[in-house]
Structure formats: C-alpha cells, structure tokens
Amino acid sequence: YGELVDAIRESQPDAVVYLQSILPVSASKSASDKVYNNPRIETYNRLIRQLAEEKGVYYLQVADAVQVDGVLPEEATTDGVHLVPAYCKKWLEYLETHTVQP
C-alpha cells in the first residue's frame, strides 16, 4: 500500500488519495475461517489507518456503512464476505458523503 501511495503521489501530485478500511465479515464466517475473520481484519485496518497517517492521505472507515456491532450482518451477504447489492449501495452512499466531490 505504501509503495502504491508513493507511486500515485509521484505521478499525480495533486491527487486526493483515500485508503479504505477492509469490510468486516459475518459472525459465522469470522468464527469459521482462519484468514477471513474480524479480529484479523481489525488488525489490518489499524495498520491501514496508521499508513494513511504516515503518508498524509485520507483514511475512510467504510466498514461503518455496513457493520452492526463490528460484524457484517448475515442478510448483507450470501457467503459471509461479499456484499449483496443493497449493502453495496450503503457503501457507495458512505463514499459519496465522506469524500471530496469534483
């Protein structure tokens, strides 16, 4: 991520750069998966937030748009990870209200 931010800054110095949080997974997915689980996602989100601060770019806690009590609701997904269209719309609405509009 850091190298990508640096490359963007080099090629597009006036670009507004955002790093987004990783979305949580459902409680059932989190409990049954060693890789895709919410404690691990929370760790990575802390690292992404820290990187954003270090690089002077914006961090968006997009998980806030879809999570309930720190997890992705079961009705928000068919597989515990990927969003159904209604929750994609919530994510989009978050982006529309938390970013700079051209």
PDB file of N, CA and C in Angstrom:
ATOM      1  N   TYR A   1       0.825  -1.191   0.000  1.00  0.00           N
ATOM      2  CA  TYR A   1       0.000   0.000   0.000  1.00  0.00           C
ATOM      3  C   TYR A   1       0.864   1.247   0.000  1.00  0.00           C
ATOM      4  N   GLY A   2       1.899   1.228   0.812  1.00  0.00           N
ATOM      5  CA  GLY A   2       2.764   2.392   0.901  1.00  0.00           C
ATOM      6  C   GLY A   2       3.431   2.715  -0.416  1.00  0.00           C
ATOM      7  N   GLU A   3       3.924   1.698  -1.095  1.00  0.00           N
ATOM      8  CA  GLU A   3       4.562   1.909  -2.394  1.00  0.00           C
ATOM      9  C   GLU A   3       3.561   2.425  -3.419  1.00  0.00           C
ATOM     10  N   LEU A   4       2.341   1.932  -3.361  1.00  0.00           N
ATOM     11  CA  LEU A   4       1.308   2.394  -4.284  1.00  0.00           C
ATOM     12  C   LEU A   4       0.977   3.860  -4.035  1.00  0.00           C
ATOM     13  N   VAL A   5       0.832   4.245  -2.770  1.00  0.00           N
ATOM     14  CA  VAL A   5       0.576   5.648  -2.441  1.00  0.00           C
ATOM     15  C   VAL A   5       1.720   6.514  -2.957  1.00  0.00           C
ATOM     16  N   ASP A   6       2.951   6.066  -2.743  1.00  0.00           N
ATOM     17  CA  ASP A   6       4.111   6.826  -3.230  1.00  0.00           C
ATOM     18  C   ASP A   6       4.073   6.972  -4.746  1.00  0.00           C
ATOM     19  N   ALA A   7       3.729   5.908  -5.450  1.00  0.00           N
ATOM     20  CA  ALA A   7       3.674   5.954  -6.916  1.00  0.00           C
ATOM     21  C   ALA A   7       2.583   6.911  -7.395  1.00  0.00           C
ATOM     22  N   ILE A   8       1.453   6.900  -6.717  1.00  0.00           N
ATOM     23  CA  ILE A   8       0.368   7.823  -7.084  1.00  0.00           C
ATOM     24  C   ILE A   8       0.810   9.258  -6.858  1.00  0.00           C
ATOM     25  N   ARG A   9       1.423   9.499  -5.714  1.00  0.00           N
ATOM     26  CA  ARG A   9       1.898  10.862  -5.405  1.00  0.00           C
ATOM     27  C   ARG A   9       2.922  11.340  -6.435  1.00  0.00           C
ATOM     28  N   GLU A  10       3.769  10.432  -6.885  1.00  0.00           N
ATOM     29  CA  GLU A  10       4.792  10.801  -7.856  1.00  0.00           C
ATOM     30  C   GLU A  10       4.180  11.127  -9.211  1.00  0.00           C
ATOM     31  N   SER A  11       3.236  10.302  -9.652  1.00  0.00           N
ATOM     32  CA  SER A  11       2.671  10.504 -10.993  1.00  0.00           C
ATOM     33  C   SER A  11       1.529  11.519 -11.017  1.00  0.00           C
ATOM     34  N   GLN A  12       0.841  11.678  -9.878  1.00  0.00           N
ATOM     35  CA  GLN A  12      -0.295  12.602  -9.797  1.00  0.00           C
ATOM     36  C   GLN A  12      -0.207  13.388  -8.486  1.00  0.00           C
ATOM     37  N   PRO A  13       0.701  14.336  -8.394  1.00  0.00           N
ATOM     38  CA  PRO A  13       0.942  15.010  -7.115  1.00  0.00           C
ATOM     39  C   PRO A  13      -0.262  15.756  -6.544  1.00  0.00           C
ATOM     40  N   ASP A  14      -1.229  16.108  -7.370  1.00  0.00           N
ATOM     41  CA  ASP A  14      -2.400  16.828  -6.881  1.00  0.00           C
ATOM     42  C   ASP A  14      -3.580  15.905  -6.557  1.00  0.00           C
ATOM     43  N   ALA A  15      -3.390  14.612  -6.717  1.00  0.00           N
ATOM     44  CA  ALA A  15      -4.483  13.660  -6.462  1.00  0.00           C
ATOM     45  C   ALA A  15      -4.849  13.644  -4.985  1.00  0.00           C
ATOM     46  N   VAL A  16      -6.129  13.489  -4.721  1.00  0.00           N
ATOM     47  CA  VAL A  16      -6.612  13.267  -3.360  1.00  0.00           C
ATOM     48  C   VAL A  16      -6.667  11.759  -3.182  1.00  0.00           C
ATOM     49  N   VAL A  17      -5.923  11.253  -2.223  1.00  0.00           N
ATOM     50  CA  VAL A  17      -5.790   9.804  -2.044  1.00  0.00           C
ATOM     51  C   VAL A  17      -6.539   9.364  -0.799  1.00  0.00           C
ATOM     52  N   TYR A  18      -7.320   8.293  -0.955  1.00  0.00           N
ATOM     53  CA  TYR A  18      -8.069   7.703   0.148  1.00  0.00           C
ATOM     54  C   TYR A  18      -7.670   6.239   0.298  1.00  0.00           C
ATOM     55  N   LEU A  19      -7.494   5.812   1.518  1.00  0.00           N
ATOM     56  CA  LEU A  19      -7.353   4.394   1.820  1.00  0.00           C
ATOM     57  C   LEU A  19      -8.602   3.986   2.578  1.00  0.00           C
ATOM     58  N   GLN A  20      -9.215   2.904   2.148  1.00  0.00           N
ATOM     59  CA  GLN A  20     -10.448   2.441   2.778  1.00  0.00           C
ATOM     60  C   GLN A  20     -10.169   1.274   3.715  1.00  0.00           C
ATOM     61  N   SER A  21     -10.960   1.221   4.772  1.00  0.00           N
ATOM     62  CA  SER A  21     -10.876   0.066   5.663  1.00  0.00           C
ATOM     63  C   SER A  21     -11.340  -1.180   4.929  1.00  0.00           C
ATOM     64  N   ILE A  22     -10.906  -2.307   5.424  1.00  0.00           N
ATOM     65  CA  ILE A  22     -11.398  -3.589   4.930  1.00  0.00           C
ATOM     66  C   ILE A  22     -12.742  -3.827   5.603  1.00  0.00           C
ATOM     67  N   LEU A  23     -13.701  -4.285   4.848  1.00  0.00           N
ATOM     68  CA  LEU A  23     -15.024  -4.538   5.417  1.00  0.00           C
ATOM     69  C   LEU A  23     -14.992  -5.781   6.302  1.00  0.00           C
ATOM     70  N   PRO A  24     -15.802  -5.781   7.356  1.00  0.00           N
ATOM     71  CA  PRO A  24     -15.860  -6.976   8.201  1.00  0.00           C
ATOM     72  C   PRO A  24     -16.552  -8.118   7.462  1.00  0.00           C
ATOM     73  N   VAL A  25     -16.422  -9.295   8.007  1.00  0.00           N
ATOM     74  CA  VAL A  25     -17.155 -10.457   7.504  1.00  0.00           C
ATOM     75  C   VAL A  25     -18.259 -10.788   8.505  1.00  0.00           C
ATOM     76  N   SER A  26     -19.134 -11.687   8.130  1.00  0.00           N
ATOM     77  CA  SER A  26     -20.223 -12.067   9.025  1.00  0.00           C
ATOM     78  C   SER A  26     -19.666 -12.801  10.244  1.00  0.00           C
ATOM     79  N   ALA A  27     -20.447 -12.848  11.291  1.00  0.00           N
ATOM     80  CA  ALA A  27     -20.021 -13.530  12.515  1.00  0.00           C
ATOM     81  C   ALA A  27     -19.749 -15.001  12.253  1.00  0.00           C
ATOM     82  N   SER A  28     -20.591 -15.635  11.445  1.00  0.00           N
ATOM     83  CA  SER A  28     -20.390 -17.061  11.165  1.00  0.00           C
ATOM     84  C   SER A  28     -19.120 -17.293  10.357  1.00  0.00           C
ATOM     85  N   LYS A  29     -18.841 -16.421   9.395  1.00  0.00           N
ATOM     86  CA  LYS A  29     -17.608 -16.538   8.607  1.00  0.00           C
ATOM     87  C   LYS A  29     -16.393 -16.306   9.502  1.00  0.00           C
ATOM     88  N   SER A  30     -16.463 -15.288  10.323  1.00  0.00           N
ATOM     89  CA  SER A  30     -15.347 -14.958  11.200  1.00  0.00           C
ATOM     90  C   SER A  30     -15.010 -16.107  12.146  1.00  0.00           C
ATOM     91  N   ALA A  31     -16.034 -16.768  12.657  1.00  0.00           N
ATOM     92  CA  ALA A  31     -15.828 -17.859  13.612  1.00  0.00           C
ATOM     93  C   ALA A  31     -15.272 -19.115  12.962  1.00  0.00           C
ATOM     94  N   SER A  32     -15.437 -19.233  11.644  1.00  0.00           N
ATOM     95  CA  SER A  32     -15.062 -20.482  10.980  1.00  0.00           C
ATOM     96  C   SER A  32     -13.870 -20.371  10.035  1.00  0.00           C
ATOM     97  N   ASP A  33     -13.243 -19.212   9.952  1.00  0.00           N
ATOM     98  CA  ASP A  33     -12.180 -19.012   8.968  1.00  0.00           C
ATOM     99  C   ASP A  33     -10.934 -18.443   9.623  1.00  0.00           C
ATOM    100  N   LYS A  34      -9.799 -19.064   9.375  1.00  0.00           N
ATOM    101  CA  LYS A  34      -8.542 -18.603   9.975  1.00  0.00           C
ATOM    102  C   LYS A  34      -7.972 -17.369   9.291  1.00  0.00           C
ATOM    103  N   VAL A  35      -8.363 -17.134   8.058  1.00  0.00           N
ATOM    104  CA  VAL A  35      -7.839 -15.998   7.310  1.00  0.00           C
ATOM    105  C   VAL A  35      -8.830 -14.840   7.304  1.00  0.00           C
ATOM    106  N   TYR A  36     -10.065 -15.123   6.920  1.00  0.00           N
ATOM    107  CA  TYR A  36     -11.078 -14.086   6.797  1.00  0.00           C
ATOM    108  C   TYR A  36     -11.898 -14.035   8.079  1.00  0.00           C
ATOM    109  N   ASN A  37     -11.357 -13.322   9.063  1.00  0.00           N
ATOM    110  CA  ASN A  37     -12.059 -13.189  10.343  1.00  0.00           C
ATOM    111  C   ASN A  37     -11.889 -11.760  10.845  1.00  0.00           C
ATOM    112  N   ASN A  38     -12.833 -11.339  11.648  1.00  0.00           N
ATOM    113  CA  ASN A  38     -12.872  -9.938  12.061  1.00  0.00           C
ATOM    114  C   ASN A  38     -11.704  -9.498  12.940  1.00  0.00           C
ATOM    115  N   PRO A  39     -11.192 -10.313  13.847  1.00  0.00           N
ATOM    116  CA  PRO A  39     -10.001  -9.851  14.583  1.00  0.00           C
ATOM    117  C   PRO A  39      -8.814  -9.558  13.655  1.00  0.00           C
ATOM    118  N   ARG A  40      -8.624 -10.394  12.673  1.00  0.00           N
ATOM    119  CA  ARG A  40      -7.528 -10.167  11.716  1.00  0.00           C
ATOM    120  C   ARG A  40      -7.801  -8.923  10.877  1.00  0.00           C
ATOM    121  N   ILE A  41      -9.030  -8.744  10.444  1.00  0.00           N
ATOM    122  CA  ILE A  41      -9.410  -7.561   9.667  1.00  0.00           C
ATOM    123  C   ILE A  41      -9.185  -6.300  10.494  1.00  0.00           C
ATOM    124  N   GLU A  42      -9.533  -6.327  11.771  1.00  0.00           N
ATOM    125  CA  GLU A  42      -9.321  -5.170  12.649  1.00  0.00           C
ATOM    126  C   GLU A  42      -7.839  -4.832  12.747  1.00  0.00           C
ATOM    127  N   THR A  43      -6.983  -5.842  12.816  1.00  0.00           N
ATOM    128  CA  THR A  43      -5.542  -5.611  12.857  1.00  0.00           C
ATOM    129  C   THR A  43      -5.073  -4.913  11.591  1.00  0.00           C
ATOM    130  N   TYR A  44      -5.501  -5.413  10.444  1.00  0.00           N
ATOM    131  CA  TYR A  44      -5.111  -4.785   9.186  1.00  0.00           C
ATOM    132  C   TYR A  44      -5.671  -3.372   9.067  1.00  0.00           C
ATOM    133  N   ASN A  45      -6.879  -3.154   9.540  1.00  0.00           N
ATOM    134  CA  ASN A  45      -7.441  -1.807   9.472  1.00  0.00           C
ATOM    135  C   ASN A  45      -6.640  -0.820  10.317  1.00  0.00           C
ATOM    136  N   ARG A  46      -6.146  -1.260  11.471  1.00  0.00           N
ATOM    137  CA  ARG A  46      -5.284  -0.386  12.275  1.00  0.00           C
ATOM    138  C   ARG A  46      -4.008  -0.031  11.497  1.00  0.00           C
ATOM    139  N   LEU A  47      -3.454  -1.016  10.802  1.00  0.00           N
ATOM    140  CA  LEU A  47      -2.245  -0.777  10.018  1.00  0.00           C
ATOM    141  C   LEU A  47      -2.512   0.154   8.836  1.00  0.00           C
ATOM    142  N   ILE A  48      -3.650  -0.013   8.191  1.00  0.00           N
ATOM    143  CA  ILE A  48      -4.010   0.861   7.072  1.00  0.00           C
ATOM    144  C   ILE A  48      -4.213   2.288   7.564  1.00  0.00           C
ATOM    145  N   ARG A  49      -4.880   2.438   8.709  1.00  0.00           N
ATOM    146  CA  ARG A  49      -5.086   3.773   9.286  1.00  0.00           C
ATOM    147  C   ARG A  49      -3.731   4.422   9.620  1.00  0.00           C
ATOM    148  N   GLN A  50      -2.845   3.658  10.202  1.00  0.00           N
ATOM    149  CA  GLN A  50      -1.511   4.156  10.546  1.00  0.00           C
ATOM    150  C   GLN A  50      -0.752   4.580   9.289  1.00  0.00           C
ATOM    151  N   LEU A  51      -0.819   3.775   8.248  1.00  0.00           N
ATOM    152  CA  LEU A  51      -0.156   4.112   6.990  1.00  0.00           C
ATOM    153  C   LEU A  51      -0.725   5.401   6.404  1.00  0.00           C
ATOM    154  N   ALA A  52      -2.044   5.543   6.448  1.00  0.00           N
ATOM    155  CA  ALA A  52      -2.676   6.761   5.938  1.00  0.00           C
ATOM    156  C   ALA A  52      -2.143   7.992   6.675  1.00  0.00           C
ATOM    157  N   GLU A  53      -2.015   7.882   7.992  1.00  0.00           N
ATOM    158  CA  GLU A  53      -1.479   8.997   8.772  1.00  0.00           C
ATOM    159  C   GLU A  53      -0.034   9.289   8.377  1.00  0.00           C
ATOM    160  N   GLU A  54       0.765   8.232   8.238  1.00  0.00           N
ATOM    161  CA  GLU A  54       2.176   8.409   7.880  1.00  0.00           C
ATOM    162  C   GLU A  54       2.340   9.036   6.502  1.00  0.00           C
ATOM    163  N   LYS A  55       1.485   8.673   5.570  1.00  0.00           N
ATOM    164  CA  LYS A  55       1.595   9.154   4.192  1.00  0.00           C
ATOM    165  C   LYS A  55       0.824  10.451   3.955  1.00  0.00           C
ATOM    166  N   GLY A  56       0.058  10.888   4.942  1.00  0.00           N
ATOM    167  CA  GLY A  56      -0.698  12.123   4.784  1.00  0.00           C
ATOM    168  C   GLY A  56      -1.849  12.007   3.812  1.00  0.00           C
ATOM    169  N   VAL A  57      -2.500  10.832   3.787  1.00  0.00           N
ATOM    170  CA  VAL A  57      -3.672  10.627   2.937  1.00  0.00           C
ATOM    171  C   VAL A  57      -4.880  10.352   3.831  1.00  0.00           C
ATOM    172  N   TYR A  58      -6.045  10.342   3.234  1.00  0.00           N
ATOM    173  CA  TYR A  58      -7.274  10.146   3.991  1.00  0.00           C
ATOM    174  C   TYR A  58      -7.547   8.661   4.233  1.00  0.00           C
ATOM    175  N   TYR A  59      -8.055   8.369   5.418  1.00  0.00           N
ATOM    176  CA  TYR A  59      -8.497   7.019   5.766  1.00  0.00           C
ATOM    177  C   TYR A  59     -10.003   7.057   5.896  1.00  0.00           C
ATOM    178  N   LEU A  60     -10.674   6.139   5.234  1.00  0.00           N
ATOM    179  CA  LEU A  60     -12.131   6.046   5.309  1.00  0.00           C
ATOM    180  C   LEU A  60     -12.522   4.755   6.016  1.00  0.00           C
ATOM    181  N   GLN A  61     -13.239   4.898   7.096  1.00  0.00           N
ATOM    182  CA  GLN A  61     -13.720   3.742   7.856  1.00  0.00           C
ATOM    183  C   GLN A  61     -15.032   3.275   7.218  1.00  0.00           C
ATOM    184  N   VAL A  62     -14.924   2.742   5.990  1.00  0.00           N
ATOM    185  CA  VAL A  62     -16.117   2.351   5.234  1.00  0.00           C
ATOM    186  C   VAL A  62     -16.882   1.214   5.899  1.00  0.00           C
ATOM    187  N   ALA A  63     -16.231   0.496   6.771  1.00  0.00           N
ATOM    188  CA  ALA A  63     -16.920  -0.573   7.498  1.00  0.00           C
ATOM    189  C   ALA A  63     -18.122  -0.020   8.257  1.00  0.00           C
ATOM    190  N   ASP A  64     -18.036   1.243   8.680  1.00  0.00           N
ATOM    191  CA  ASP A  64     -19.155   1.853   9.404  1.00  0.00           C
ATOM    192  C   ASP A  64     -20.443   1.859   8.594  1.00  0.00           C
ATOM    193  N   ALA A  65     -20.321   1.818   7.285  1.00  0.00           N
ATOM    194  CA  ALA A  65     -21.504   1.865   6.423  1.00  0.00           C
ATOM    195  C   ALA A  65     -22.289   0.560   6.442  1.00  0.00           C
ATOM    196  N   VAL A  66     -21.634  -0.541   6.776  1.00  0.00           N
ATOM    197  CA  VAL A  66     -22.290  -1.842   6.642  1.00  0.00           C
ATOM    198  C   VAL A  66     -22.294  -2.692   7.906  1.00  0.00           C
ATOM    199  N   GLN A  67     -21.456  -2.377   8.871  1.00  0.00           N
ATOM    200  CA  GLN A  67     -21.348  -3.259  10.036  1.00  0.00           C
ATOM    201  C   GLN A  67     -22.383  -2.949  11.103  1.00  0.00           C
ATOM    202  N   VAL A  68     -22.699  -3.968  11.870  1.00  0.00           N
ATOM    203  CA  VAL A  68     -23.534  -3.843  13.055  1.00  0.00           C
ATOM    204  C   VAL A  68     -22.785  -4.581  14.156  1.00  0.00           C
ATOM    205  N   ASP A  69     -22.453  -3.861  15.205  1.00  0.00           N
ATOM    206  CA  ASP A  69     -21.687  -4.437  16.314  1.00  0.00           C
ATOM    207  C   ASP A  69     -20.402  -5.102  15.842  1.00  0.00           C
ATOM    208  N   GLY A  70     -19.753  -4.500  14.856  1.00  0.00           N
ATOM    209  CA  GLY A  70     -18.447  -4.966  14.396  1.00  0.00           C
ATOM    210  C   GLY A  70     -18.456  -6.121  13.420  1.00  0.00           C
ATOM    211  N   VAL A  71     -19.626  -6.564  12.995  1.00  0.00           N
ATOM    212  CA  VAL A  71     -19.699  -7.671  12.045  1.00  0.00           C
ATOM    213  C   VAL A  71     -20.609  -7.303  10.877  1.00  0.00           C
ATOM    214  N   LEU A  72     -20.424  -8.005   9.778  1.00  0.00           N
ATOM    215  CA  LEU A  72     -21.302  -7.855   8.628  1.00  0.00           C
ATOM    216  C   LEU A  72     -22.572  -8.648   8.911  1.00  0.00           C
ATOM    217  N   PRO A  73     -23.728  -8.004   8.873  1.00  0.00           N
ATOM    218  CA  PRO A  73     -24.971  -8.745   9.128  1.00  0.00           C
ATOM    219  C   PRO A  73     -25.147  -9.890   8.134  1.00  0.00           C
ATOM    220  N   GLU A  74     -25.733 -10.967   8.598  1.00  0.00           N
ATOM    221  CA  GLU A  74     -25.933 -12.146   7.740  1.00  0.00           C
ATOM    222  C   GLU A  74     -26.723 -11.794   6.482  1.00  0.00           C
ATOM    223  N   GLU A  75     -27.694 -10.882   6.593  1.00  0.00           N
ATOM    224  CA  GLU A  75     -28.511 -10.534   5.426  1.00  0.00           C
ATOM    225  C   GLU A  75     -27.757  -9.656   4.423  1.00  0.00           C
ATOM    226  N   ALA A  76     -26.574  -9.185   4.807  1.00  0.00           N
ATOM    227  CA  ALA A  76     -25.788  -8.324   3.931  1.00  0.00           C
ATOM    228  C   ALA A  76     -24.946  -9.114   2.937  1.00  0.00           C
ATOM    229  N   THR A  77     -24.953 -10.440   3.069  1.00  0.00           N
ATOM    230  CA  THR A  77     -24.036 -11.256   2.283  1.00  0.00           C
ATOM    231  C   THR A  77     -24.632 -12.635   2.015  1.00  0.00           C
ATOM    232  N   THR A  78     -24.181 -13.253   0.945  1.00  0.00           N
ATOM    233  CA  THR A  78     -24.606 -14.625   0.675  1.00  0.00           C
ATOM    234  C   THR A  78     -23.535 -15.637   1.074  1.00  0.00           C
ATOM    235  N   ASP A  79     -22.306 -15.145   1.247  1.00  0.00           N
ATOM    236  CA  ASP A  79     -21.208 -16.060   1.572  1.00  0.00           C
ATOM    237  C   ASP A  79     -20.407 -15.640   2.802  1.00  0.00           C
ATOM    238  N   GLY A  80     -20.869 -14.618   3.499  1.00  0.00           N
ATOM    239  CA  GLY A  80     -20.169 -14.153   4.686  1.00  0.00           C
ATOM    240  C   GLY A  80     -19.132 -13.088   4.408  1.00  0.00           C
ATOM    241  N   VAL A  81     -18.830 -12.852   3.122  1.00  0.00           N
ATOM    242  CA  VAL A  81     -17.768 -11.916   2.750  1.00  0.00           C
ATOM    243  C   VAL A  81     -18.277 -10.843   1.780  1.00  0.00           C
ATOM    244  N   HIS A  82     -18.835 -11.263   0.673  1.00  0.00           N
ATOM    245  CA  HIS A  82     -19.211 -10.348  -0.405  1.00  0.00           C
ATOM    246  C   HIS A  82     -20.600  -9.765  -0.170  1.00  0.00           C
ATOM    247  N   LEU A  83     -20.729  -8.474  -0.461  1.00  0.00           N
ATOM    248  CA  LEU A  83     -21.972  -7.757  -0.199  1.00  0.00           C
ATOM    249  C   LEU A  83     -23.046  -8.035  -1.245  1.00  0.00           C
ATOM    250  N   VAL A  84     -24.289  -8.071  -0.784  1.00  0.00           N
ATOM    251  CA  VAL A  84     -25.433  -8.089  -1.690  1.00  0.00           C
ATOM    252  C   VAL A  84     -25.630  -6.656  -2.190  1.00  0.00           C
ATOM    253  N   PRO A  85     -26.355  -6.463  -3.291  1.00  0.00           N
ATOM    254  CA  PRO A  85     -26.488  -5.128  -3.878  1.00  0.00           C
ATOM    255  C   PRO A  85     -26.945  -4.028  -2.914  1.00  0.00           C
ATOM    256  N   ALA A  86     -27.870  -4.312  -2.034  1.00  0.00           N
ATOM    257  CA  ALA A  86     -28.356  -3.274  -1.113  1.00  0.00           C
ATOM    258  C   ALA A  86     -27.240  -2.761  -0.211  1.00  0.00           C
ATOM    259  N   TYR A  87     -26.331  -3.631   0.168  1.00  0.00           N
ATOM    260  CA  TYR A  87     -25.225  -3.208   1.023  1.00  0.00           C
ATOM    261  C   TYR A  87     -24.107  -2.554   0.212  1.00  0.00           C
ATOM    262  N   CYS A  88     -23.990  -2.901  -1.045  1.00  0.00           N
ATOM    263  CA  CYS A  88     -23.072  -2.162  -1.925  1.00  0.00           C
ATOM    264  C   CYS A  88     -23.533  -0.712  -2.032  1.00  0.00           C
ATOM    265  N   LYS A  89     -24.834  -0.526  -2.087  1.00  0.00           N
ATOM    266  CA  LYS A  89     -25.386   0.827  -2.165  1.00  0.00           C
ATOM    267  C   LYS A  89     -25.067   1.606  -0.890  1.00  0.00           C
ATOM    268  N   LYS A  90     -25.144   0.952   0.277  1.00  0.00           N
ATOM    269  CA  LYS A  90     -24.789   1.622   1.536  1.00  0.00           C
ATOM    270  C   LYS A  90     -23.331   2.054   1.513  1.00  0.00           C
ATOM    271  N   TRP A  91     -22.475   1.197   0.985  1.00  0.00           N
ATOM    272  CA  TRP A  91     -21.050   1.516   0.865  1.00  0.00           C
ATOM    273  C   TRP A  91     -20.864   2.729  -0.050  1.00  0.00           C
ATOM    274  N   LEU A  92     -21.538   2.716  -1.192  1.00  0.00           N
ATOM    275  CA  LEU A  92     -21.460   3.830  -2.132  1.00  0.00           C
ATOM    276  C   LEU A  92     -21.950   5.120  -1.485  1.00  0.00           C
ATOM    277  N   GLU A  93     -23.050   5.060  -0.776  1.00  0.00           N
ATOM    278  CA  GLU A  93     -23.579   6.260  -0.117  1.00  0.00           C
ATOM    279  C   GLU A  93     -22.586   6.807   0.905  1.00  0.00           C
ATOM    280  N   TYR A  94     -21.905   5.918   1.606  1.00  0.00           N
ATOM    281  CA  TYR A  94     -20.871   6.355   2.540  1.00  0.00           C
ATOM    282  C   TYR A  94     -19.774   7.108   1.787  1.00  0.00           C
ATOM    283  N   LEU A  95     -19.310   6.529   0.684  1.00  0.00           N
ATOM    284  CA  LEU A  95     -18.271   7.179  -0.105  1.00  0.00           C
ATOM    285  C   LEU A  95     -18.715   8.548  -0.620  1.00  0.00           C
ATOM    286  N   GLU A  96     -19.960   8.625  -1.044  1.00  0.00           N
ATOM    287  CA  GLU A  96     -20.471   9.898  -1.570  1.00  0.00           C
ATOM    288  C   GLU A  96     -20.530  10.986  -0.510  1.00  0.00           C
ATOM    289  N   THR A  97     -20.680  10.609   0.745  1.00  0.00           N
ATOM    290  CA  THR A  97     -20.804  11.611   1.811  1.00  0.00           C
ATOM    291  C   THR A  97     -19.520  11.809   2.613  1.00  0.00           C
ATOM    292  N   HIS A  98     -18.479  11.038   2.327  1.00  0.00           N
ATOM    293  CA  HIS A  98     -17.242  11.140   3.092  1.00  0.00           C
ATOM    294  C   HIS A  98     -16.011  11.429   2.226  1.00  0.00           C
ATOM    295  N   THR A  99     -16.241  11.834   0.999  1.00  0.00           N
ATOM    296  CA  THR A  99     -15.133  12.161   0.107  1.00  0.00           C
ATOM    297  C   THR A  99     -15.387  13.522  -0.539  1.00  0.00           C
ATOM    298  N   VAL A 100     -14.342  14.053  -1.124  1.00  0.00           N
ATOM    299  CA  VAL A 100     -14.427  15.324  -1.819  1.00  0.00           C
ATOM    300  C   VAL A 100     -15.145  15.105  -3.146  1.00  0.00           C
ATOM    301  N   GLN A 101     -16.118  15.929  -3.419  1.00  0.00           N
ATOM    302  CA  GLN A 101     -16.854  15.826  -4.668  1.00  0.00           C
ATOM    303  C   GLN A 101     -16.233  16.727  -5.721  1.00  0.00           C
ATOM    304  N   PRO A 102     -16.057  16.220  -6.962  1.00  0.00           N
ATOM    305  CA  PRO A 102     -15.459  17.054  -8.026  1.00  0.00           C
ATOM    306  C   PRO A 102     -16.382  18.184  -8.432  1.00  0.00           C
TER     307      PRO A 102
END
